[in-house]
Amino acid sequence: MEFLIILLVILFGFGLFRYFRQRAYLKTLTEEQFREGYRKAQLIDVREPQEFKKGHILGARNIPLTQMRQRLVEIRPDKPVYLYCQSGSRSARAAQLLRKKGYEDLNQLKGGFKKWTGKIK
C-alpha cells in the first residue's frame, strides 16, 4: 500500500513539473487574445486532414501533428506560431516539438477548435 502511495505521489509530481515547464514556453490564449494576434502570426491547425476539411479557422494551414517533424521547413522560427487542435492536447504536443527545435513564440487556443466561435471555413 505504501508503495502505491509513493508511486502516485511521484506520478503527480512529474505531471505537475511538466505542466509548469510547458507554461514557461507555451502561452495558452483565450479566444479573444487568440483573435488579436493570429493574423500577424503563422496559424497552424494540427488536426488530421479529414478534421480540417470539416471546418477550420479562416486562414489556418493544416500541418497535422503526425506530420510536424517532416514539415518543419514550412514553419518560420522568426515569427509567432499560433496552434490549435480540437481540444488542446495535440497543439500542446506540437508546441513541445517546436520548442525542442528552437521555436520560441508559441501560442495555443484555450479549449481548441471546439470552443472557437469566430469565422470558420
PDB file of N, CA and C in Angstrom:
ATOM      1  N   MET A   1       0.829  -1.192   0.000  1.00  0.00           N
ATOM      2  CA  MET A   1       0.000   0.000   0.000  1.00  0.00           C
ATOM      3  C   MET A   1       0.875   1.258   0.000  1.00  0.00           C
ATOM      4  N   GLU A   2       1.953   1.242   0.798  1.00  0.00           N
ATOM      5  CA  GLU A   2       2.846   2.409   0.845  1.00  0.00           C
ATOM      6  C   GLU A   2       3.492   2.636  -0.512  1.00  0.00           C
ATOM      7  N   PHE A   3       3.849   1.541  -1.174  1.00  0.00           N
ATOM      8  CA  PHE A   3       4.463   1.642  -2.498  1.00  0.00           C
ATOM      9  C   PHE A   3       3.527   2.359  -3.465  1.00  0.00           C
ATOM     10  N   LEU A   4       2.242   2.013  -3.426  1.00  0.00           N
ATOM     11  CA  LEU A   4       1.248   2.620  -4.306  1.00  0.00           C
ATOM     12  C   LEU A   4       1.130   4.115  -4.034  1.00  0.00           C
ATOM     13  N   ILE A   5       1.122   4.509  -2.791  1.00  0.00           N
ATOM     14  CA  ILE A   5       1.037   5.922  -2.421  1.00  0.00           C
ATOM     15  C   ILE A   5       2.271   6.674  -2.909  1.00  0.00           C
ATOM     16  N   ILE A   6       3.440   6.087  -2.705  1.00  0.00           N
ATOM     17  CA  ILE A   6       4.688   6.713  -3.172  1.00  0.00           C
ATOM     18  C   ILE A   6       4.673   6.856  -4.692  1.00  0.00           C
ATOM     19  N   LEU A   7       4.232   5.828  -5.388  1.00  0.00           N
ATOM     20  CA  LEU A   7       4.154   5.870  -6.839  1.00  0.00           C
ATOM     21  C   LEU A   7       3.198   6.968  -7.312  1.00  0.00           C
ATOM     22  N   LEU A   8       2.050   7.082  -6.680  1.00  0.00           N
ATOM     23  CA  LEU A   8       1.087   8.127  -7.037  1.00  0.00           C
ATOM     24  C   LEU A   8       1.658   9.519  -6.792  1.00  0.00           C
ATOM     25  N   VAL A   9       2.366   9.707  -5.690  1.00  0.00           N
ATOM     26  CA  VAL A   9       2.992  10.998  -5.392  1.00  0.00           C
ATOM     27  C   VAL A   9       4.043  11.349  -6.454  1.00  0.00           C
ATOM     28  N   ILE A  10       4.839  10.365  -6.847  1.00  0.00           N
ATOM     29  CA  ILE A  10       5.864  10.595  -7.877  1.00  0.00           C
ATOM     30  C   ILE A  10       5.212  10.955  -9.211  1.00  0.00           C
ATOM     31  N   LEU A  11       4.189  10.213  -9.602  1.00  0.00           N
ATOM     32  CA  LEU A  11       3.495  10.498 -10.853  1.00  0.00           C
ATOM     33  C   LEU A  11       2.839  11.873 -10.830  1.00  0.00           C
ATOM     34  N   PHE A  12       2.229  12.235  -9.723  1.00  0.00           N
ATOM     35  CA  PHE A  12       1.600  13.548  -9.586  1.00  0.00           C
ATOM     36  C   PHE A  12       2.661  14.645  -9.682  1.00  0.00           C
ATOM     37  N   GLY A  13       3.783  14.441  -9.009  1.00  0.00           N
ATOM     38  CA  GLY A  13       4.876  15.419  -9.048  1.00  0.00           C
ATOM     39  C   GLY A  13       5.433  15.588 -10.447  1.00  0.00           C
ATOM     40  N   PHE A  14       5.570  14.489 -11.182  1.00  0.00           N
ATOM     41  CA  PHE A  14       6.060  14.548 -12.555  1.00  0.00           C
ATOM     42  C   PHE A  14       5.084  15.320 -13.439  1.00  0.00           C
ATOM     43  N   GLY A  15       3.799  15.054 -13.275  1.00  0.00           N
ATOM     44  CA  GLY A  15       2.769  15.762 -14.050  1.00  0.00           C
ATOM     45  C   GLY A  15       2.776  17.246 -13.757  1.00  0.00           C
ATOM     46  N   LEU A  16       2.933  17.590 -12.499  1.00  0.00           N
ATOM     47  CA  LEU A  16       2.995  18.998 -12.097  1.00  0.00           C
ATOM     48  C   LEU A  16       4.226  19.671 -12.692  1.00  0.00           C
ATOM     49  N   PHE A  17       5.360  18.973 -12.675  1.00  0.00           N
ATOM     50  CA  PHE A  17       6.593  19.503 -13.254  1.00  0.00           C
ATOM     51  C   PHE A  17       6.406  19.783 -14.744  1.00  0.00           C
ATOM     52  N   ARG A  18       5.838  18.830 -15.483  1.00  0.00           N
ATOM     53  CA  ARG A  18       5.613  19.006 -16.928  1.00  0.00           C
ATOM     54  C   ARG A  18       4.676  20.170 -17.201  1.00  0.00           C
ATOM     55  N   TYR A  19       3.638  20.320 -16.381  1.00  0.00           N
ATOM     56  CA  TYR A  19       2.672  21.404 -16.556  1.00  0.00           C
ATOM     57  C   TYR A  19       3.361  22.770 -16.433  1.00  0.00           C
ATOM     58  N   PHE A  20       4.153  22.953 -15.382  1.00  0.00           N
ATOM     59  CA  PHE A  20       4.806  24.245 -15.178  1.00  0.00           C
ATOM     60  C   PHE A  20       5.922  24.489 -16.186  1.00  0.00           C
ATOM     61  N   ARG A  21       6.608  23.443 -16.607  1.00  0.00           N
ATOM     62  CA  ARG A  21       7.649  23.598 -17.625  1.00  0.00           C
ATOM     63  C   ARG A  21       7.017  24.048 -18.937  1.00  0.00           C
ATOM     64  N   GLN A  22       5.872  23.448 -19.280  1.00  0.00           N
ATOM     65  CA  GLN A  22       5.184  23.815 -20.511  1.00  0.00           C
ATOM     66  C   GLN A  22       4.694  25.262 -20.459  1.00  0.00           C
ATOM     67  N   ARG A  23       4.213  25.700 -19.335  1.00  0.00           N
ATOM     68  CA  ARG A  23       3.730  27.075 -19.199  1.00  0.00           C
ATOM     69  C   ARG A  23       4.837  28.094 -19.419  1.00  0.00           C
ATOM     70  N   ALA A  24       6.088  27.686 -19.246  1.00  0.00           N
ATOM     71  CA  ALA A  24       7.215  28.594 -19.432  1.00  0.00           C
ATOM     72  C   ALA A  24       7.430  28.933 -20.908  1.00  0.00           C
ATOM     73  N   TYR A  25       7.040  28.056 -21.827  1.00  0.00           N
ATOM     74  CA  TYR A  25       7.287  28.321 -23.247  1.00  0.00           C
ATOM     75  C   TYR A  25       6.031  28.371 -24.108  1.00  0.00           C
ATOM     76  N   LEU A  26       4.891  27.956 -23.600  1.00  0.00           N
ATOM     77  CA  LEU A  26       3.652  27.934 -24.385  1.00  0.00           C
ATOM     78  C   LEU A  26       2.603  28.806 -23.721  1.00  0.00           C
ATOM     79  N   LYS A  27       2.140  29.817 -24.444  1.00  0.00           N
ATOM     80  CA  LYS A  27       1.078  30.683 -23.927  1.00  0.00           C
ATOM     81  C   LYS A  27      -0.268  30.122 -24.373  1.00  0.00           C
ATOM     82  N   THR A  28      -1.143  29.900 -23.411  1.00  0.00           N
ATOM     83  CA  THR A  28      -2.495  29.463 -23.724  1.00  0.00           C
ATOM     84  C   THR A  28      -3.371  30.704 -23.717  1.00  0.00           C
ATOM     85  N   LEU A  29      -3.957  31.005 -24.878  1.00  0.00           N
ATOM     86  CA  LEU A  29      -4.702  32.250 -25.058  1.00  0.00           C
ATOM     87  C   LEU A  29      -6.205  32.013 -25.115  1.00  0.00           C
ATOM     88  N   THR A  30      -6.946  32.963 -24.561  1.00  0.00           N
ATOM     89  CA  THR A  30      -8.403  32.925 -24.704  1.00  0.00           C
ATOM     90  C   THR A  30      -8.730  33.188 -26.168  1.00  0.00           C
ATOM     91  N   GLU A  31      -9.954  32.958 -26.560  1.00  0.00           N
ATOM     92  CA  GLU A  31     -10.342  33.196 -27.951  1.00  0.00           C
ATOM     93  C   GLU A  31     -10.094  34.657 -28.334  1.00  0.00           C
ATOM     94  N   GLU A  32     -10.407  35.562 -27.450  1.00  0.00           N
ATOM     95  CA  GLU A  32     -10.209  36.993 -27.732  1.00  0.00           C
ATOM     96  C   GLU A  32      -8.724  37.316 -27.943  1.00  0.00           C
ATOM     97  N   GLN A  33      -7.871  36.808 -27.078  1.00  0.00           N
ATOM     98  CA  GLN A  33      -6.426  37.025 -27.218  1.00  0.00           C
ATOM     99  C   GLN A  33      -5.905  36.379 -28.497  1.00  0.00           C
ATOM    100  N   PHE A  34      -6.412  35.207 -28.800  1.00  0.00           N
ATOM    101  CA  PHE A  34      -6.004  34.475 -29.996  1.00  0.00           C
ATOM    102  C   PHE A  34      -6.365  35.280 -31.242  1.00  0.00           C
ATOM    103  N   ARG A  35      -7.574  35.827 -31.282  1.00  0.00           N
ATOM    104  CA  ARG A  35      -8.028  36.634 -32.428  1.00  0.00           C
ATOM    105  C   ARG A  35      -7.165  37.872 -32.621  1.00  0.00           C
ATOM    106  N   GLU A  36      -6.737  38.470 -31.526  1.00  0.00           N
ATOM    107  CA  GLU A  36      -5.935  39.692 -31.606  1.00  0.00           C
ATOM    108  C   GLU A  36      -4.599  39.462 -32.302  1.00  0.00           C
ATOM    109  N   GLY A  37      -4.025  38.259 -32.182  1.00  0.00           N
ATOM    110  CA  GLY A  37      -2.688  38.048 -32.697  1.00  0.00           C
ATOM    111  C   GLY A  37      -2.517  37.102 -33.861  1.00  0.00           C
ATOM    112  N   TYR A  38      -3.506  36.268 -34.147  1.00  0.00           N
ATOM    113  CA  TYR A  38      -3.245  35.209 -35.123  1.00  0.00           C
ATOM    114  C   TYR A  38      -3.089  35.702 -36.555  1.00  0.00           C
ATOM    115  N   ARG A  39      -3.599  36.861 -36.892  1.00  0.00           N
ATOM    116  CA  ARG A  39      -3.461  37.360 -38.269  1.00  0.00           C
ATOM    117  C   ARG A  39      -2.025  37.798 -38.577  1.00  0.00           C
ATOM    118  N   LYS A  40      -1.270  38.130 -37.547  1.00  0.00           N
ATOM    119  CA  LYS A  40       0.124  38.544 -37.724  1.00  0.00           C
ATOM    120  C   LYS A  40       1.082  37.380 -37.487  1.00  0.00           C
ATOM    121  N   ALA A  41       0.533  36.206 -37.328  1.00  0.00           N
ATOM    122  CA  ALA A  41       1.339  35.034 -36.973  1.00  0.00           C
ATOM    123  C   ALA A  41       1.113  33.918 -37.977  1.00  0.00           C
ATOM    124  N   GLN A  42       1.746  32.806 -37.741  1.00  0.00           N
ATOM    125  CA  GLN A  42       1.532  31.590 -38.520  1.00  0.00           C
ATOM    126  C   GLN A  42       0.456  30.787 -37.806  1.00  0.00           C
ATOM    127  N   LEU A  43      -0.699  30.699 -38.406  1.00  0.00           N
ATOM    128  CA  LEU A  43      -1.836  29.994 -37.811  1.00  0.00           C
ATOM    129  C   LEU A  43      -1.836  28.559 -38.310  1.00  0.00           C
ATOM    130  N   ILE A  44      -1.640  27.623 -37.396  1.00  0.00           N
ATOM    131  CA  ILE A  44      -1.492  26.220 -37.780  1.00  0.00           C
ATOM    132  C   ILE A  44      -2.498  25.338 -37.048  1.00  0.00           C
ATOM    133  N   ASP A  45      -3.257  24.611 -37.834  1.00  0.00           N
ATOM    134  CA  ASP A  45      -4.205  23.627 -37.336  1.00  0.00           C
ATOM    135  C   ASP A  45      -3.478  22.284 -37.351  1.00  0.00           C
ATOM    136  N   VAL A  46      -3.287  21.679 -36.185  1.00  0.00           N
ATOM    137  CA  VAL A  46      -2.511  20.438 -36.099  1.00  0.00           C
ATOM    138  C   VAL A  46      -3.389  19.180 -36.129  1.00  0.00           C
ATOM    139  N   ARG A  47      -4.665  19.354 -36.451  1.00  0.00           N
ATOM    140  CA  ARG A  47      -5.559  18.197 -36.572  1.00  0.00           C
ATOM    141  C   ARG A  47      -5.291  17.463 -37.879  1.00  0.00           C
ATOM    142  N   GLU A  48      -5.842  16.296 -38.007  1.00  0.00           N
ATOM    143  CA  GLU A  48      -5.685  15.487 -39.216  1.00  0.00           C
ATOM    144  C   GLU A  48      -6.466  16.125 -40.375  1.00  0.00           C
ATOM    145  N   PRO A  49      -6.064  15.857 -41.627  1.00  0.00           N
ATOM    146  CA  PRO A  49      -6.698  16.482 -42.790  1.00  0.00           C
ATOM    147  C   PRO A  49      -8.225  16.319 -42.856  1.00  0.00           C
ATOM    148  N   GLN A  50      -8.738  15.158 -42.488  1.00  0.00           N
ATOM    149  CA  GLN A  50     -10.190  14.962 -42.542  1.00  0.00           C
ATOM    150  C   GLN A  50     -10.917  15.866 -41.534  1.00  0.00           C
ATOM    151  N   GLU A  51     -10.302  16.140 -40.394  1.00  0.00           N
ATOM    152  CA  GLU A  51     -10.888  17.061 -39.417  1.00  0.00           C
ATOM    153  C   GLU A  51     -10.841  18.483 -39.958  1.00  0.00           C
ATOM    154  N   PHE A  52      -9.708  18.845 -40.559  1.00  0.00           N
ATOM    155  CA  PHE A  52      -9.512  20.178 -41.135  1.00  0.00           C
ATOM    156  C   PHE A  52     -10.549  20.459 -42.212  1.00  0.00           C
ATOM    157  N   LYS A  53     -10.819  19.474 -43.069  1.00  0.00           N
ATOM    158  CA  LYS A  53     -11.782  19.646 -44.164  1.00  0.00           C
ATOM    159  C   LYS A  53     -13.199  19.878 -43.657  1.00  0.00           C
ATOM    160  N   LYS A  54     -13.525  19.363 -42.484  1.00  0.00           N
ATOM    161  CA  LYS A  54     -14.867  19.537 -41.921  1.00  0.00           C
ATOM    162  C   LYS A  54     -15.085  20.949 -41.388  1.00  0.00           C
ATOM    163  N   GLY A  55     -14.000  21.693 -41.204  1.00  0.00           N
ATOM    164  CA  GLY A  55     -14.100  23.066 -40.717  1.00  0.00           C
ATOM    165  C   GLY A  55     -12.827  23.475 -40.012  1.00  0.00           C
ATOM    166  N   HIS A  56     -12.400  24.713 -40.272  1.00  0.00           N
ATOM    167  CA  HIS A  56     -11.189  25.234 -39.640  1.00  0.00           C
ATOM    168  C   HIS A  56     -11.263  26.755 -39.557  1.00  0.00           C
ATOM    169  N   ILE A  57     -10.410  27.334 -38.738  1.00  0.00           N
ATOM    170  CA  ILE A  57     -10.358  28.782 -38.598  1.00  0.00           C
ATOM    171  C   ILE A  57      -9.864  29.372 -39.912  1.00  0.00           C
ATOM    172  N   LEU A  58     -10.547  30.410 -40.361  1.00  0.00           N
ATOM    173  CA  LEU A  58     -10.199  31.081 -41.611  1.00  0.00           C
ATOM    174  C   LEU A  58      -8.732  31.503 -41.608  1.00  0.00           C
ATOM    175  N   GLY A  59      -7.992  31.105 -42.621  1.00  0.00           N
ATOM    176  CA  GLY A  59      -6.587  31.475 -42.748  1.00  0.00           C
ATOM    177  C   GLY A  59      -5.606  30.466 -42.176  1.00  0.00           C
ATOM    178  N   ALA A  60      -6.109  29.388 -41.593  1.00  0.00           N
ATOM    179  CA  ALA A  60      -5.227  28.383 -40.984  1.00  0.00           C
ATOM    180  C   ALA A  60      -4.621  27.469 -42.037  1.00  0.00           C
ATOM    181  N   ARG A  61      -3.401  27.013 -41.760  1.00  0.00           N
ATOM    182  CA  ARG A  61      -2.740  25.986 -42.560  1.00  0.00           C
ATOM    183  C   ARG A  61      -2.845  24.677 -41.801  1.00  0.00           C
ATOM    184  N   ASN A  62      -3.007  23.609 -42.513  1.00  0.00           N
ATOM    185  CA  ASN A  62      -3.102  22.300 -41.871  1.00  0.00           C
ATOM    186  C   ASN A  62      -1.746  21.598 -41.916  1.00  0.00           C
ATOM    187  N   ILE A  63      -1.122  21.497 -40.742  1.00  0.00           N
ATOM    188  CA  ILE A  63       0.099  20.705 -40.586  1.00  0.00           C
ATOM    189  C   ILE A  63      -0.180  19.768 -39.416  1.00  0.00           C
ATOM    190  N   PRO A  64      -0.678  18.568 -39.721  1.00  0.00           N
ATOM    191  CA  PRO A  64      -1.039  17.639 -38.650  1.00  0.00           C
ATOM    192  C   PRO A  64       0.144  17.309 -37.740  1.00  0.00           C
ATOM    193  N   LEU A  65      -0.143  17.092 -36.494  1.00  0.00           N
ATOM    194  CA  LEU A  65       0.881  16.718 -35.525  1.00  0.00           C
ATOM    195  C   LEU A  65       1.673  15.509 -36.028  1.00  0.00           C
ATOM    196  N   THR A  66       0.989  14.579 -36.662  1.00  0.00           N
ATOM    197  CA  THR A  66       1.644  13.363 -37.154  1.00  0.00           C
ATOM    198  C   THR A  66       2.655  13.640 -38.271  1.00  0.00           C
ATOM    199  N   GLN A  67       2.575  14.814 -38.899  1.00  0.00           N
ATOM    200  CA  GLN A  67       3.487  15.180 -39.987  1.00  0.00           C
ATOM    201  C   GLN A  67       4.438  16.322 -39.609  1.00  0.00           C
ATOM    202  N   MET A  68       4.313  16.823 -38.399  1.00  0.00           N
ATOM    203  CA  MET A  68       5.032  18.035 -37.991  1.00  0.00           C
ATOM    204  C   MET A  68       6.552  17.922 -38.181  1.00  0.00           C
ATOM    205  N   ARG A  69       7.149  16.836 -37.780  1.00  0.00           N
ATOM    206  CA  ARG A  69       8.615  16.679 -37.913  1.00  0.00           C
ATOM    207  C   ARG A  69       9.067  16.814 -39.366  1.00  0.00           C
ATOM    208  N   GLN A  70       8.321  16.216 -40.275  1.00  0.00           N
ATOM    209  CA  GLN A  70       8.697  16.240 -41.684  1.00  0.00           C
ATOM    210  C   GLN A  70       8.423  17.591 -42.339  1.00  0.00           C
ATOM    211  N   ARG A  71       7.557  18.395 -41.744  1.00  0.00           N
ATOM    212  CA  ARG A  71       7.143  19.651 -42.383  1.00  0.00           C
ATOM    213  C   ARG A  71       7.612  20.905 -41.644  1.00  0.00           C
ATOM    214  N   LEU A  72       8.606  20.758 -40.790  1.00  0.00           N
ATOM    215  CA  LEU A  72       9.122  21.906 -40.036  1.00  0.00           C
ATOM    216  C   LEU A  72       9.593  23.045 -40.930  1.00  0.00           C
ATOM    217  N   VAL A  73      10.082  22.736 -42.131  1.00  0.00           N
ATOM    218  CA  VAL A  73      10.570  23.772 -43.043  1.00  0.00           C
ATOM    219  C   VAL A  73       9.467  24.746 -43.453  1.00  0.00           C
ATOM    220  N   GLU A  74       8.211  24.363 -43.261  1.00  0.00           N
ATOM    221  CA  GLU A  74       7.076  25.221 -43.599  1.00  0.00           C
ATOM    222  C   GLU A  74       6.766  26.239 -42.503  1.00  0.00           C
ATOM    223  N   ILE A  75       7.416  26.108 -41.363  1.00  0.00           N
ATOM    224  CA  ILE A  75       7.129  26.983 -40.224  1.00  0.00           C
ATOM    225  C   ILE A  75       8.353  27.844 -39.938  1.00  0.00           C
ATOM    226  N   ARG A  76       8.179  29.156 -40.008  1.00  0.00           N
ATOM    227  CA  ARG A  76       9.292  30.070 -39.789  1.00  0.00           C
ATOM    228  C   ARG A  76       9.560  30.234 -38.289  1.00  0.00           C
ATOM    229  N   PRO A  77      10.807  30.081 -37.865  1.00  0.00           N
ATOM    230  CA  PRO A  77      11.122  30.222 -36.441  1.00  0.00           C
ATOM    231  C   PRO A  77      11.160  31.677 -35.960  1.00  0.00           C
ATOM    232  N   ASP A  78      11.196  32.632 -36.887  1.00  0.00           N
ATOM    233  CA  ASP A  78      11.296  34.047 -36.517  1.00  0.00           C
ATOM    234  C   ASP A  78       9.943  34.736 -36.379  1.00  0.00           C
ATOM    235  N   LYS A  79       8.850  34.025 -36.600  1.00  0.00           N
ATOM    236  CA  LYS A  79       7.508  34.596 -36.481  1.00  0.00           C
ATOM    237  C   LYS A  79       6.720  33.841 -35.416  1.00  0.00           C
ATOM    238  N   PRO A  80       5.774  34.521 -34.765  1.00  0.00           N
ATOM    239  CA  PRO A  80       4.932  33.832 -33.771  1.00  0.00           C
ATOM    240  C   PRO A  80       4.166  32.672 -34.419  1.00  0.00           C
ATOM    241  N   VAL A  81       3.968  31.614 -33.638  1.00  0.00           N
ATOM    242  CA  VAL A  81       3.227  30.439 -34.100  1.00  0.00           C
ATOM    243  C   VAL A  81       1.978  30.306 -33.224  1.00  0.00           C
ATOM    244  N   TYR A  82       0.817  30.283 -33.877  1.00  0.00           N
ATOM    245  CA  TYR A  82      -0.457  30.091 -33.195  1.00  0.00           C
ATOM    246  C   TYR A  82      -0.977  28.712 -33.587  1.00  0.00           C
ATOM    247  N   LEU A  83      -1.111  27.854 -32.609  1.00  0.00           N
ATOM    248  CA  LEU A  83      -1.508  26.467 -32.825  1.00  0.00           C
ATOM    249  C   LEU A  83      -2.898  26.202 -32.270  1.00  0.00           C
ATOM    250  N   TYR A  84      -3.602  25.293 -32.915  1.00  0.00           N
ATOM    251  CA  TYR A  84      -4.838  24.789 -32.316  1.00  0.00           C
ATOM    252  C   TYR A  84      -5.121  23.393 -32.842  1.00  0.00           C
ATOM    253  N   CYS A  85      -5.882  22.658 -32.053  1.00  0.00           N
ATOM    254  CA  CYS A  85      -6.367  21.338 -32.445  1.00  0.00           C
ATOM    255  C   CYS A  85      -7.827  21.280 -32.027  1.00  0.00           C
ATOM    256  N   GLN A  86      -8.349  20.117 -31.795  1.00  0.00           N
ATOM    257  CA  GLN A  86      -9.758  20.013 -31.416  1.00  0.00           C
ATOM    258  C   GLN A  86      -9.993  20.486 -29.984  1.00  0.00           C
ATOM    259  N   SER A  87      -9.108  20.084 -29.057  1.00  0.00           N
ATOM    260  CA  SER A  87      -9.343  20.426 -27.648  1.00  0.00           C
ATOM    261  C   SER A  87      -8.140  21.046 -26.943  1.00  0.00           C
ATOM    262  N   GLY A  88      -6.948  20.889 -27.476  1.00  0.00           N
ATOM    263  CA  GLY A  88      -5.764  21.485 -26.869  1.00  0.00           C
ATOM    264  C   GLY A  88      -4.612  20.541 -26.587  1.00  0.00           C
ATOM    265  N   SER A  89      -4.853  19.249 -26.592  1.00  0.00           N
ATOM    266  CA  SER A  89      -3.773  18.326 -26.239  1.00  0.00           C
ATOM    267  C   SER A  89      -2.761  18.153 -27.376  1.00  0.00           C
ATOM    268  N   ARG A  90      -3.231  18.039 -28.607  1.00  0.00           N
ATOM    269  CA  ARG A  90      -2.297  17.881 -29.733  1.00  0.00           C
ATOM    270  C   ARG A  90      -1.504  19.164 -29.983  1.00  0.00           C
ATOM    271  N   SER A  91      -2.142  20.313 -29.803  1.00  0.00           N
ATOM    272  CA  SER A  91      -1.407  21.569 -30.009  1.00  0.00           C
ATOM    273  C   SER A  91      -0.322  21.722 -28.947  1.00  0.00           C
ATOM    274  N   ALA A  92      -0.561  21.237 -27.746  1.00  0.00           N
ATOM    275  CA  ALA A  92       0.472  21.281 -26.697  1.00  0.00           C
ATOM    276  C   ALA A  92       1.643  20.373 -27.064  1.00  0.00           C
ATOM    277  N   ARG A  93       1.362  19.212 -27.626  1.00  0.00           N
ATOM    278  CA  ARG A  93       2.433  18.308 -28.055  1.00  0.00           C
ATOM    279  C   ARG A  93       3.201  18.902 -29.236  1.00  0.00           C
ATOM    280  N   ALA A  94       2.485  19.556 -30.147  1.00  0.00           N
ATOM    281  CA  ALA A  94       3.148  20.216 -31.278  1.00  0.00           C
ATOM    282  C   ALA A  94       4.071  21.332 -30.770  1.00  0.00           C
ATOM    283  N   ALA A  95       3.617  22.080 -29.790  1.00  0.00           N
ATOM    284  CA  ALA A  95       4.438  23.151 -29.213  1.00  0.00           C
ATOM    285  C   ALA A  95       5.687  22.580 -28.560  1.00  0.00           C
ATOM    286  N   GLN A  96       5.547  21.450 -27.907  1.00  0.00           N
ATOM    287  CA  GLN A  96       6.702  20.798 -27.274  1.00  0.00           C
ATOM    288  C   GLN A  96       7.743  20.418 -28.334  1.00  0.00           C
ATOM    289  N   LEU A  97       7.295  19.880 -29.441  1.00  0.00           N
ATOM    290  CA  LEU A  97       8.194  19.524 -30.538  1.00  0.00           C
ATOM    291  C   LEU A  97       8.867  20.776 -31.111  1.00  0.00           C
ATOM    292  N   LEU A  98       8.077  21.812 -31.358  1.00  0.00           N
ATOM    293  CA  LEU A  98       8.627  23.052 -31.917  1.00  0.00           C
ATOM    294  C   LEU A  98       9.637  23.689 -30.964  1.00  0.00           C
ATOM    295  N   ARG A  99       9.346  23.639 -29.689  1.00  0.00           N
ATOM    296  CA  ARG A  99      10.272  24.190 -28.690  1.00  0.00           C
ATOM    297  C   ARG A  99      11.623  23.471 -28.752  1.00  0.00           C
ATOM    298  N   LYS A 100      11.584  22.159 -28.862  1.00  0.00           N
ATOM    299  CA  LYS A 100      12.825  21.376 -28.949  1.00  0.00           C
ATOM    300  C   LYS A 100      13.619  21.725 -30.202  1.00  0.00           C
ATOM    301  N   LYS A 101      12.934  22.201 -31.236  1.00  0.00           N
ATOM    302  CA  LYS A 101      13.592  22.563 -32.494  1.00  0.00           C
ATOM    303  C   LYS A 101      13.986  24.044 -32.532  1.00  0.00           C
ATOM    304  N   GLY A 102      13.792  24.765 -31.421  1.00  0.00           N
ATOM    305  CA  GLY A 102      14.266  26.139 -31.335  1.00  0.00           C
ATOM    306  C   GLY A 102      13.236  27.240 -31.533  1.00  0.00           C
ATOM    307  N   TYR A 103      11.978  26.901 -31.725  1.00  0.00           N
ATOM    308  CA  TYR A 103      10.927  27.912 -31.878  1.00  0.00           C
ATOM    309  C   TYR A 103      10.620  28.507 -30.510  1.00  0.00           C
ATOM    310  N   GLU A 104      10.352  29.818 -30.475  1.00  0.00           N
ATOM    311  CA  GLU A 104      10.184  30.460 -29.183  1.00  0.00           C
ATOM    312  C   GLU A 104       8.806  31.058 -28.927  1.00  0.00           C
ATOM    313  N   ASP A 105       8.227  31.744 -29.889  1.00  0.00           N
ATOM    314  CA  ASP A 105       6.945  32.425 -29.663  1.00  0.00           C
ATOM    315  C   ASP A 105       5.804  31.477 -29.997  1.00  0.00           C
ATOM    316  N   LEU A 106       5.436  30.629 -29.029  1.00  0.00           N
ATOM    317  CA  LEU A 106       4.438  29.579 -29.235  1.00  0.00           C
ATOM    318  C   LEU A 106       3.172  29.877 -28.440  1.00  0.00           C
ATOM    319  N   ASN A 107       2.035  29.781 -29.116  1.00  0.00           N
ATOM    320  CA  ASN A 107       0.737  30.097 -28.522  1.00  0.00           C
ATOM    321  C   ASN A 107      -0.271  29.037 -28.925  1.00  0.00           C
ATOM    322  N   GLN A 108      -1.222  28.771 -28.035  1.00  0.00           N
ATOM    323  CA  GLN A 108      -2.282  27.822 -28.381  1.00  0.00           C
ATOM    324  C   GLN A 108      -3.628  28.379 -27.951  1.00  0.00           C
ATOM    325  N   LEU A 109      -4.669  27.945 -28.647  1.00  0.00           N
ATOM    326  CA  LEU A 109      -6.038  28.368 -28.372  1.00  0.00           C
ATOM    327  C   LEU A 109      -6.601  27.571 -27.201  1.00  0.00           C
ATOM    328  N   LYS A 110      -7.002  28.263 -26.171  1.00  0.00           N
ATOM    329  CA  LYS A 110      -7.583  27.600 -24.992  1.00  0.00           C
ATOM    330  C   LYS A 110      -8.887  26.887 -25.391  1.00  0.00           C
ATOM    331  N   GLY A 111      -8.945  25.604 -25.095  1.00  0.00           N
ATOM    332  CA  GLY A 111     -10.139  24.826 -25.404  1.00  0.00           C
ATOM    333  C   GLY A 111     -10.193  24.301 -26.824  1.00  0.00           C
ATOM    334  N   GLY A 112      -9.288  24.758 -27.680  1.00  0.00           N
ATOM    335  CA  GLY A 112      -9.206  24.268 -29.041  1.00  0.00           C
ATOM    336  C   GLY A 112     -10.348  24.714 -29.946  1.00  0.00           C
ATOM    337  N   PHE A 113     -10.413  24.097 -31.113  1.00  0.00           N
ATOM    338  CA  PHE A 113     -11.390  24.451 -32.143  1.00  0.00           C
ATOM    339  C   PHE A 113     -12.827  24.277 -31.659  1.00  0.00           C
ATOM    340  N   LYS A 114     -13.060  23.309 -30.795  1.00  0.00           N
ATOM    341  CA  LYS A 114     -14.440  23.070 -30.346  1.00  0.00           C
ATOM    342  C   LYS A 114     -15.000  24.245 -29.536  1.00  0.00           C
ATOM    343  N   LYS A 115     -14.114  25.115 -29.016  1.00  0.00           N
ATOM    344  CA  LYS A 115     -14.559  26.289 -28.260  1.00  0.00           C
ATOM    345  C   LYS A 115     -14.573  27.556 -29.125  1.00  0.00           C
ATOM    346  N   TRP A 116     -14.104  27.471 -30.356  1.00  0.00           N
ATOM    347  CA  TRP A 116     -13.992  28.626 -31.242  1.00  0.00           C
ATOM    348  C   TRP A 116     -15.370  29.077 -31.708  1.00  0.00           C
ATOM    349  N   THR A 117     -15.650  30.375 -31.614  1.00  0.00           N
ATOM    350  CA  THR A 117     -16.931  30.916 -32.054  1.00  0.00           C
ATOM    351  C   THR A 117     -16.790  31.871 -33.231  1.00  0.00           C
ATOM    352  N   GLY A 118     -15.537  32.083 -33.683  1.00  0.00           N
ATOM    353  CA  GLY A 118     -15.285  33.004 -34.795  1.00  0.00           C
ATOM    354  C   GLY A 118     -15.577  32.375 -36.147  1.00  0.00           C
ATOM    355  N   LYS A 119     -15.121  33.078 -37.183  1.00  0.00           N
ATOM    356  CA  LYS A 119     -15.370  32.624 -38.552  1.00  0.00           C
ATOM    357  C   LYS A 119     -14.594  31.340 -38.833  1.00  0.00           C
ATOM    358  N   ILE A 120     -15.289  30.464 -39.566  1.00  0.00           N
ATOM    359  CA  ILE A 120     -14.676  29.206 -39.987  1.00  0.00           C
ATOM    360  C   ILE A 120     -14.930  28.992 -41.467  1.00  0.00           C
ATOM    361  N   LYS A 121     -14.146  28.127 -42.046  1.00  0.00           N
ATOM    362  CA  LYS A 121     -14.333  27.781 -43.449  1.00  0.00           C
ATOM    363  C   LYS A 121     -14.752  26.329 -43.537  1.00  0.00           C
TER     364      LYS A 121
END
